[in-house]
Amino acid sequence: MKSSLGKLKRFAFQKHDGKERKEFQPPPKIDHLALASQEMQDMRNCYDSLLSAAAATANSAYGMVVA
């Protein structure tokens, strides 16, 4: 029992080198307005692409019916 406690104490009180310890760094601050603006632009581009594809499909279908 004493042997187990001794090992536990040595383990708990081990000294660590500064090299081994990683310093805590706070996450970088995010500009939420810029992030929201970029997301809106991405959604607008996606929506425009979908409309363009739908128009091309409709024009293709109309061209097949008329021809």
C-alpha atoms as a PDB file:
ATOM      1  CA  MET A   1       0.000   0.000   0.000  1.00  0.00           C
ATOM      2  CA  LYS A   2       2.811   2.414   0.895  1.00  0.00           C
ATOM      3  CA  SER A   3       4.529   1.530  -2.336  1.00  0.00           C
ATOM      4  CA  SER A   4       1.434   2.432  -4.366  1.00  0.00           C
ATOM      5  CA  LEU A   5       1.014   5.740  -2.531  1.00  0.00           C
ATOM      6  CA  GLY A   6       4.664   6.589  -3.070  1.00  0.00           C
ATOM      7  CA  LYS A   7       4.372   5.952  -6.798  1.00  0.00           C
ATOM      8  CA  LEU A   8       1.200   8.025  -6.949  1.00  0.00           C
ATOM      9  CA  LYS A   9       2.869  10.940  -5.123  1.00  0.00           C
ATOM     10  CA  ARG A  10       5.900  10.837  -7.417  1.00  0.00           C
ATOM     11  CA  PHE A  11       3.633  10.791 -10.439  1.00  0.00           C
ATOM     12  CA  ALA A  12       1.493  13.655  -9.172  1.00  0.00           C
ATOM     13  CA  PHE A  13       4.432  15.892  -8.281  1.00  0.00           C
ATOM     14  CA  GLN A  14       6.613  15.350 -11.344  1.00  0.00           C
ATOM     15  CA  LYS A  15       8.301  18.496 -12.554  1.00  0.00           C
ATOM     16  CA  HIS A  16       7.780  19.384 -16.178  1.00  0.00           C
ATOM     17  CA  ASP A  17      10.157  21.258 -18.429  1.00  0.00           C
ATOM     18  CA  GLY A  18       8.944  24.511 -19.900  1.00  0.00           C
ATOM     19  CA  LYS A  19       9.617  23.036 -23.341  1.00  0.00           C
ATOM     20  CA  GLU A  20       7.128  20.244 -22.815  1.00  0.00           C
ATOM     21  CA  ARG A  21       4.348  22.503 -21.564  1.00  0.00           C
ATOM     22  CA  LYS A  22       2.288  24.173 -24.244  1.00  0.00           C
ATOM     23  CA  GLU A  23       1.293  27.722 -23.511  1.00  0.00           C
ATOM     24  CA  PHE A  24      -2.402  28.476 -23.724  1.00  0.00           C
ATOM     25  CA  GLN A  25      -3.189  30.899 -26.508  1.00  0.00           C
ATOM     26  CA  PRO A  26      -6.642  32.431 -26.770  1.00  0.00           C
ATOM     27  CA  PRO A  27      -8.380  31.944 -30.115  1.00  0.00           C
ATOM     28  CA  PRO A  28      -8.001  34.810 -32.551  1.00  0.00           C
ATOM     29  CA  LYS A  29     -10.765  37.391 -32.481  1.00  0.00           C
ATOM     30  CA  ILE A  30     -13.152  37.032 -35.383  1.00  0.00           C
ATOM     31  CA  ASP A  31     -14.804  39.966 -37.052  1.00  0.00           C
ATOM     32  CA  HIS A  32     -18.378  38.664 -37.025  1.00  0.00           C
ATOM     33  CA  LEU A  33     -19.626  41.305 -39.433  1.00  0.00           C
ATOM     34  CA  ALA A  34     -16.988  40.404 -42.019  1.00  0.00           C
ATOM     35  CA  LEU A  35     -17.745  36.706 -41.545  1.00  0.00           C
ATOM     36  CA  ALA A  36     -21.493  37.265 -42.007  1.00  0.00           C
ATOM     37  CA  SER A  37     -20.824  39.385 -45.089  1.00  0.00           C
ATOM     38  CA  GLN A  38     -18.696  36.625 -46.617  1.00  0.00           C
ATOM     39  CA  GLU A  39     -21.382  34.027 -45.884  1.00  0.00           C
ATOM     40  CA  MET A  40     -24.029  36.231 -47.530  1.00  0.00           C
ATOM     41  CA  GLN A  41     -21.832  36.614 -50.613  1.00  0.00           C
ATOM     42  CA  ASP A  42     -21.304  32.838 -50.762  1.00  0.00           C
ATOM     43  CA  MET A  43     -25.070  32.229 -50.517  1.00  0.00           C
ATOM     44  CA  ARG A  44     -25.730  34.828 -53.224  1.00  0.00           C
ATOM     45  CA  ASN A  45     -23.193  33.162 -55.537  1.00  0.00           C
ATOM     46  CA  CYS A  46     -24.733  29.749 -54.900  1.00  0.00           C
ATOM     47  CA  TYR A  47     -28.257  31.061 -55.526  1.00  0.00           C
ATOM     48  CA  ASP A  48     -27.135  32.754 -58.759  1.00  0.00           C
ATOM     49  CA  SER A  49     -25.549  29.500 -59.919  1.00  0.00           C
ATOM     50  CA  LEU A  50     -28.745  27.578 -59.193  1.00  0.00           C
ATOM     51  CA  LEU A  51     -30.841  30.115 -61.112  1.00  0.00           C
ATOM     52  CA  SER A  52     -28.436  29.986 -64.025  1.00  0.00           C
ATOM     53  CA  ALA A  53     -28.567  26.184 -64.123  1.00  0.00           C
ATOM     54  CA  ALA A  54     -32.379  26.240 -63.936  1.00  0.00           C
ATOM     55  CA  ALA A  55     -32.560  28.767 -66.790  1.00  0.00           C
ATOM     56  CA  ALA A  56     -30.172  26.697 -68.918  1.00  0.00           C
ATOM     57  CA  THR A  57     -32.246  23.572 -68.269  1.00  0.00           C
ATOM     58  CA  ALA A  58     -35.484  25.369 -69.175  1.00  0.00           C
ATOM     59  CA  ASN A  59     -33.940  26.793 -72.351  1.00  0.00           C
ATOM     60  CA  SER A  60     -32.614  23.391 -73.310  1.00  0.00           C
ATOM     61  CA  ALA A  61     -35.993  21.759 -72.756  1.00  0.00           C
ATOM     62  CA  TYR A  62     -37.743  24.507 -74.733  1.00  0.00           C
ATOM     63  CA  GLY A  63     -35.227  24.130 -77.587  1.00  0.00           C
ATOM     64  CA  MET A  64     -35.915  20.402 -77.799  1.00  0.00           C
ATOM     65  CA  VAL A  65     -39.698  20.936 -77.980  1.00  0.00           C
ATOM     66  CA  VAL A  66     -39.534  23.666 -80.633  1.00  0.00           C
ATOM     67  CA  ALA A  67     -36.991  21.891 -82.842  1.00  0.00           C
END
